[in-house]
Amino acid sequence: MFRQARLGPLIGKRSWGGVVGIDDHGPLIDGGSVYVPEYAFASPTGEWIIEGHGVDPDIAVENDPESVLAGRDPQLERAVREVLRLMAESHRHLPRRPADPVKTNRPGR
């Protein structure tokens, strides 16, 4: 959804790809259970997506154990660099603040 909305690049590693949801349909007579796959994700064009493969990032960045143990987050660091770069390139501005509203019924105010 993030990619489809074009909110920015996906940064990190491919997700694991296990997204089909299962539900329990009650206990069996022997005390066991049956879990049935019931729902998954489909693309706007009607194809099943993500299950069995995951989502590929636009920018692959490994969170290696050495960096994580040192208190760093290479994925977050790269994401911040990317956001700062995109902000510098796009030059978007917030809209101007409108005039304060007049919320009185008194004449002359």
N, C-alpha and C. Protein backbone atom coordinates (compact mmCIF):
# COMPACT_ATOMS: atom_id res chain seq x y z
N MET A 1 0.83 -1.19 0.00
CA MET A 1 0.00 0.00 0.00
C MET A 1 0.87 1.25 0.00
N PHE A 2 1.95 1.23 0.74
CA PHE A 2 2.87 2.37 0.79
C PHE A 2 3.44 2.64 -0.60
N ARG A 3 3.86 1.59 -1.28
CA ARG A 3 4.40 1.73 -2.64
C ARG A 3 3.31 2.18 -3.60
N GLN A 4 2.14 1.58 -3.49
CA GLN A 4 1.05 1.91 -4.40
C GLN A 4 0.65 3.38 -4.26
N ALA A 5 0.68 3.92 -3.04
CA ALA A 5 0.33 5.31 -2.80
C ALA A 5 1.48 6.26 -3.16
N ARG A 6 2.63 5.70 -3.53
CA ARG A 6 3.81 6.48 -3.91
C ARG A 6 4.24 7.45 -2.81
N LEU A 7 4.25 6.93 -1.57
CA LEU A 7 4.63 7.74 -0.43
C LEU A 7 6.13 7.86 -0.28
N GLY A 8 6.86 7.00 -0.92
CA GLY A 8 8.32 7.01 -0.84
C GLY A 8 8.85 5.62 -1.09
N PRO A 9 10.17 5.48 -1.08
CA PRO A 9 10.75 4.16 -1.31
C PRO A 9 10.64 3.27 -0.08
N LEU A 10 10.54 1.97 -0.33
CA LEU A 10 10.60 0.98 0.75
C LEU A 10 12.06 0.67 1.00
N ILE A 11 12.49 0.78 2.24
CA ILE A 11 13.90 0.62 2.59
C ILE A 11 14.03 -0.47 3.64
N GLY A 12 14.94 -1.41 3.41
CA GLY A 12 15.18 -2.48 4.37
C GLY A 12 15.45 -3.78 3.66
N LYS A 13 14.88 -4.84 4.16
CA LYS A 13 15.03 -6.17 3.58
C LYS A 13 13.65 -6.68 3.17
N ARG A 14 13.65 -7.65 2.27
CA ARG A 14 12.40 -8.24 1.84
C ARG A 14 11.67 -8.84 3.05
N SER A 15 10.34 -8.62 3.11
CA SER A 15 9.56 -9.20 4.20
C SER A 15 9.46 -10.71 3.99
N TRP A 16 9.08 -11.42 5.01
CA TRP A 16 9.18 -12.89 4.97
C TRP A 16 8.14 -13.56 4.11
N GLY A 17 7.01 -12.94 3.84
CA GLY A 17 6.07 -13.50 2.89
C GLY A 17 5.00 -14.41 3.44
N GLY A 18 4.85 -14.47 4.73
CA GLY A 18 3.79 -15.30 5.31
C GLY A 18 2.63 -14.43 5.74
N VAL A 19 1.64 -14.26 4.86
CA VAL A 19 0.56 -13.34 5.19
C VAL A 19 -0.83 -13.95 5.10
N VAL A 20 -0.95 -15.19 4.65
CA VAL A 20 -2.27 -15.79 4.58
C VAL A 20 -2.76 -16.02 6.00
N GLY A 21 -3.93 -15.46 6.30
CA GLY A 21 -4.48 -15.56 7.65
C GLY A 21 -5.22 -16.86 7.86
N ILE A 22 -5.12 -17.37 9.07
CA ILE A 22 -5.81 -18.61 9.41
C ILE A 22 -6.75 -18.35 10.58
N ASP A 23 -7.79 -19.13 10.63
CA ASP A 23 -8.74 -19.05 11.74
C ASP A 23 -8.98 -20.44 12.31
N ASP A 24 -9.25 -20.48 13.60
CA ASP A 24 -9.61 -21.71 14.29
C ASP A 24 -11.12 -21.87 14.18
N HIS A 25 -11.56 -23.04 13.76
CA HIS A 25 -12.99 -23.26 13.60
C HIS A 25 -13.55 -24.16 14.70
N GLY A 26 -12.99 -24.05 15.86
CA GLY A 26 -13.51 -24.81 16.99
C GLY A 26 -12.74 -26.09 17.21
N PRO A 27 -12.86 -26.65 18.42
CA PRO A 27 -12.12 -27.86 18.77
C PRO A 27 -12.72 -29.10 18.10
N LEU A 28 -11.85 -30.06 17.86
CA LEU A 28 -12.29 -31.37 17.36
C LEU A 28 -12.69 -32.23 18.55
N ILE A 29 -13.37 -33.31 18.29
CA ILE A 29 -13.87 -34.18 19.36
C ILE A 29 -12.72 -34.76 20.19
N ASP A 30 -11.53 -34.92 19.55
CA ASP A 30 -10.39 -35.48 20.28
C ASP A 30 -9.56 -34.41 20.98
N GLY A 31 -10.05 -33.16 20.99
CA GLY A 31 -9.33 -32.07 21.66
C GLY A 31 -8.37 -31.32 20.74
N GLY A 32 -8.19 -31.80 19.53
CA GLY A 32 -7.31 -31.12 18.57
C GLY A 32 -8.00 -29.92 17.95
N SER A 33 -7.31 -29.27 17.05
CA SER A 33 -7.84 -28.09 16.36
C SER A 33 -7.51 -28.17 14.88
N VAL A 34 -8.30 -27.48 14.11
CA VAL A 34 -8.04 -27.34 12.68
C VAL A 34 -7.98 -25.85 12.38
N TYR A 35 -6.89 -25.44 11.77
CA TYR A 35 -6.73 -24.05 11.37
C TYR A 35 -6.76 -24.01 9.85
N VAL A 36 -7.64 -23.17 9.32
CA VAL A 36 -7.87 -23.14 7.88
C VAL A 36 -7.40 -21.80 7.32
N PRO A 37 -6.58 -21.81 6.25
CA PRO A 37 -6.21 -20.55 5.61
C PRO A 37 -7.45 -19.92 4.97
N GLU A 38 -7.71 -18.66 5.29
CA GLU A 38 -8.95 -18.06 4.84
C GLU A 38 -8.82 -16.74 4.12
N TYR A 39 -7.77 -15.98 4.35
CA TYR A 39 -7.70 -14.67 3.71
C TYR A 39 -6.26 -14.31 3.42
N ALA A 40 -6.10 -13.53 2.36
CA ALA A 40 -4.77 -13.11 1.92
C ALA A 40 -4.88 -11.74 1.27
N PHE A 41 -3.80 -11.28 0.68
CA PHE A 41 -3.77 -9.96 0.05
C PHE A 41 -3.81 -10.11 -1.47
N ALA A 42 -4.60 -9.26 -2.09
CA ALA A 42 -4.67 -9.22 -3.55
C ALA A 42 -4.30 -7.81 -4.01
N SER A 43 -3.73 -7.74 -5.20
CA SER A 43 -3.37 -6.44 -5.78
C SER A 43 -4.62 -5.78 -6.36
N PRO A 44 -4.53 -4.48 -6.67
CA PRO A 44 -5.68 -3.81 -7.31
C PRO A 44 -6.05 -4.42 -8.66
N THR A 45 -5.11 -5.15 -9.27
CA THR A 45 -5.40 -5.79 -10.55
C THR A 45 -5.92 -7.22 -10.39
N GLY A 46 -6.12 -7.66 -9.13
CA GLY A 46 -6.75 -8.94 -8.88
C GLY A 46 -5.81 -10.13 -8.79
N GLU A 47 -4.53 -9.92 -8.53
CA GLU A 47 -3.60 -11.03 -8.36
C GLU A 47 -3.27 -11.19 -6.87
N TRP A 48 -3.06 -12.45 -6.45
CA TRP A 48 -2.61 -12.70 -5.09
C TRP A 48 -1.17 -12.23 -4.98
N ILE A 49 -0.86 -11.54 -3.90
CA ILE A 49 0.48 -10.98 -3.74
C ILE A 49 1.05 -11.29 -2.36
N ILE A 50 2.32 -11.13 -2.23
CA ILE A 50 3.11 -11.21 -1.00
C ILE A 50 3.33 -12.63 -0.50
N GLU A 51 2.29 -13.45 -0.42
CA GLU A 51 2.43 -14.79 0.16
C GLU A 51 3.49 -15.60 -0.58
N GLY A 52 4.39 -16.18 0.21
CA GLY A 52 5.41 -17.05 -0.33
C GLY A 52 6.64 -16.33 -0.86
N HIS A 53 6.58 -15.02 -0.99
CA HIS A 53 7.74 -14.27 -1.47
C HIS A 53 8.04 -13.07 -0.58
N GLY A 54 7.04 -12.33 -0.19
CA GLY A 54 7.23 -11.12 0.60
C GLY A 54 7.23 -9.90 -0.31
N VAL A 55 7.63 -8.77 0.25
CA VAL A 55 7.69 -7.51 -0.48
C VAL A 55 9.14 -7.12 -0.62
N ASP A 56 9.58 -6.90 -1.85
CA ASP A 56 10.96 -6.47 -2.10
C ASP A 56 11.10 -4.98 -1.84
N PRO A 57 12.17 -4.58 -1.16
CA PRO A 57 12.37 -3.14 -0.94
C PRO A 57 12.88 -2.47 -2.21
N ASP A 58 12.71 -1.16 -2.28
CA ASP A 58 13.29 -0.39 -3.37
C ASP A 58 14.79 -0.20 -3.12
N ILE A 59 15.14 -0.06 -1.85
CA ILE A 59 16.53 0.11 -1.44
C ILE A 59 16.83 -0.94 -0.38
N ALA A 60 17.65 -1.92 -0.73
CA ALA A 60 17.96 -3.01 0.21
C ALA A 60 19.04 -2.57 1.18
N VAL A 61 18.77 -2.72 2.48
CA VAL A 61 19.74 -2.38 3.53
C VAL A 61 19.65 -3.45 4.61
N GLU A 62 20.77 -4.04 4.93
CA GLU A 62 20.86 -5.08 5.95
C GLU A 62 21.02 -4.45 7.33
N ASN A 63 20.28 -4.91 8.30
CA ASN A 63 20.52 -4.54 9.70
C ASN A 63 21.42 -5.62 10.27
N ASP A 64 22.72 -5.48 10.04
CA ASP A 64 23.65 -6.52 10.46
C ASP A 64 23.78 -6.55 11.98
N PRO A 65 24.00 -7.72 12.56
CA PRO A 65 24.06 -7.85 14.02
C PRO A 65 25.11 -6.95 14.67
N GLU A 66 26.26 -6.79 14.04
CA GLU A 66 27.31 -5.95 14.63
C GLU A 66 26.83 -4.51 14.82
N SER A 67 26.17 -3.96 13.82
CA SER A 67 25.65 -2.60 13.93
C SER A 67 24.55 -2.50 14.98
N VAL A 68 23.65 -3.47 14.99
CA VAL A 68 22.55 -3.46 15.95
C VAL A 68 23.09 -3.54 17.37
N LEU A 69 24.05 -4.44 17.61
CA LEU A 69 24.63 -4.57 18.94
C LEU A 69 25.38 -3.31 19.36
N ALA A 70 25.86 -2.55 18.39
CA ALA A 70 26.55 -1.28 18.68
C ALA A 70 25.56 -0.14 18.87
N GLY A 71 24.25 -0.45 18.80
CA GLY A 71 23.24 0.57 19.02
C GLY A 71 22.87 1.35 17.76
N ARG A 72 23.27 0.88 16.60
CA ARG A 72 22.95 1.56 15.34
C ARG A 72 21.80 0.83 14.65
N ASP A 73 21.18 1.52 13.72
CA ASP A 73 20.09 0.95 12.92
C ASP A 73 20.33 1.37 11.48
N PRO A 74 21.11 0.59 10.71
CA PRO A 74 21.43 0.98 9.34
C PRO A 74 20.21 1.23 8.45
N GLN A 75 19.13 0.50 8.67
CA GLN A 75 17.93 0.72 7.85
C GLN A 75 17.32 2.09 8.15
N LEU A 76 17.20 2.42 9.43
CA LEU A 76 16.65 3.72 9.81
C LEU A 76 17.57 4.85 9.36
N GLU A 77 18.88 4.66 9.53
CA GLU A 77 19.84 5.69 9.11
C GLU A 77 19.72 5.96 7.62
N ARG A 78 19.59 4.91 6.81
CA ARG A 78 19.46 5.09 5.37
C ARG A 78 18.12 5.76 5.03
N ALA A 79 17.07 5.38 5.76
CA ALA A 79 15.76 5.98 5.52
C ALA A 79 15.79 7.48 5.80
N VAL A 80 16.44 7.87 6.89
CA VAL A 80 16.54 9.30 7.22
C VAL A 80 17.32 10.04 6.13
N ARG A 81 18.43 9.46 5.68
CA ARG A 81 19.19 10.10 4.59
C ARG A 81 18.34 10.25 3.34
N GLU A 82 17.55 9.23 3.03
CA GLU A 82 16.71 9.26 1.83
C GLU A 82 15.62 10.32 1.96
N VAL A 83 14.98 10.41 3.11
CA VAL A 83 13.93 11.42 3.33
C VAL A 83 14.52 12.82 3.22
N LEU A 84 15.67 13.05 3.83
CA LEU A 84 16.31 14.37 3.75
C LEU A 84 16.65 14.72 2.30
N ARG A 85 17.13 13.74 1.54
CA ARG A 85 17.45 13.98 0.13
C ARG A 85 16.20 14.33 -0.66
N LEU A 86 15.12 13.56 -0.44
CA LEU A 86 13.88 13.82 -1.16
C LEU A 86 13.27 15.17 -0.78
N MET A 87 13.38 15.54 0.49
CA MET A 87 12.87 16.84 0.92
C MET A 87 13.64 17.98 0.25
N ALA A 88 14.96 17.83 0.13
CA ALA A 88 15.77 18.86 -0.50
C ALA A 88 15.45 18.99 -1.99
N GLU A 89 15.07 17.89 -2.62
CA GLU A 89 14.76 17.90 -4.05
C GLU A 89 13.35 18.41 -4.35
N SER A 90 12.39 18.17 -3.46
CA SER A 90 10.99 18.46 -3.80
C SER A 90 10.56 19.88 -3.48
N HIS A 91 11.15 20.53 -2.49
CA HIS A 91 10.83 21.92 -2.12
C HIS A 91 9.34 22.14 -1.92
N ARG A 92 8.73 21.31 -1.15
CA ARG A 92 7.30 21.48 -0.85
C ARG A 92 7.16 22.42 0.33
N HIS A 93 6.06 23.16 0.33
CA HIS A 93 5.80 24.12 1.41
C HIS A 93 4.42 23.87 2.00
N LEU A 94 4.29 24.17 3.27
CA LEU A 94 2.98 24.08 3.91
C LEU A 94 2.12 25.23 3.40
N PRO A 95 0.80 25.04 3.36
CA PRO A 95 -0.06 26.16 2.94
C PRO A 95 0.00 27.28 3.97
N ARG A 96 -0.27 28.50 3.50
CA ARG A 96 -0.28 29.65 4.42
C ARG A 96 -1.43 29.50 5.41
N ARG A 97 -1.21 30.04 6.60
CA ARG A 97 -2.26 30.02 7.62
C ARG A 97 -3.31 31.04 7.24
N PRO A 98 -4.59 30.65 7.27
CA PRO A 98 -5.64 31.62 6.95
C PRO A 98 -5.81 32.63 8.09
N ALA A 99 -6.53 33.70 7.81
CA ALA A 99 -6.81 34.71 8.84
C ALA A 99 -7.60 34.05 9.97
N ASP A 100 -7.40 34.55 11.18
CA ASP A 100 -8.15 34.01 12.32
C ASP A 100 -9.63 34.25 12.11
N PRO A 101 -10.48 33.29 12.48
CA PRO A 101 -11.92 33.47 12.31
C PRO A 101 -12.49 34.42 13.36
N VAL A 102 -13.56 35.10 12.98
CA VAL A 102 -14.29 35.95 13.92
C VAL A 102 -15.43 35.10 14.46
N LYS A 103 -15.41 34.86 15.78
CA LYS A 103 -16.41 33.97 16.38
C LYS A 103 -17.27 34.71 17.39
N THR A 104 -17.74 35.86 17.03
CA THR A 104 -18.59 36.62 17.92
C THR A 104 -19.80 37.12 17.15
N ASN A 105 -20.90 37.23 17.82
CA ASN A 105 -22.10 37.75 17.20
C ASN A 105 -22.32 39.22 17.53
N ARG A 106 -21.42 39.80 18.31
CA ARG A 106 -21.57 41.20 18.71
C ARG A 106 -21.32 42.13 17.52
N PRO A 107 -22.19 43.10 17.35
CA PRO A 107 -21.94 44.06 16.27
C PRO A 107 -20.68 44.87 16.55
N GLY A 108 -19.98 45.21 15.52
CA GLY A 108 -18.78 46.03 15.64
C GLY A 108 -17.52 45.25 15.98
N ARG A 109 -17.64 43.97 16.11
CA ARG A 109 -16.44 43.16 16.41
C ARG A 109 -16.12 42.23 15.30
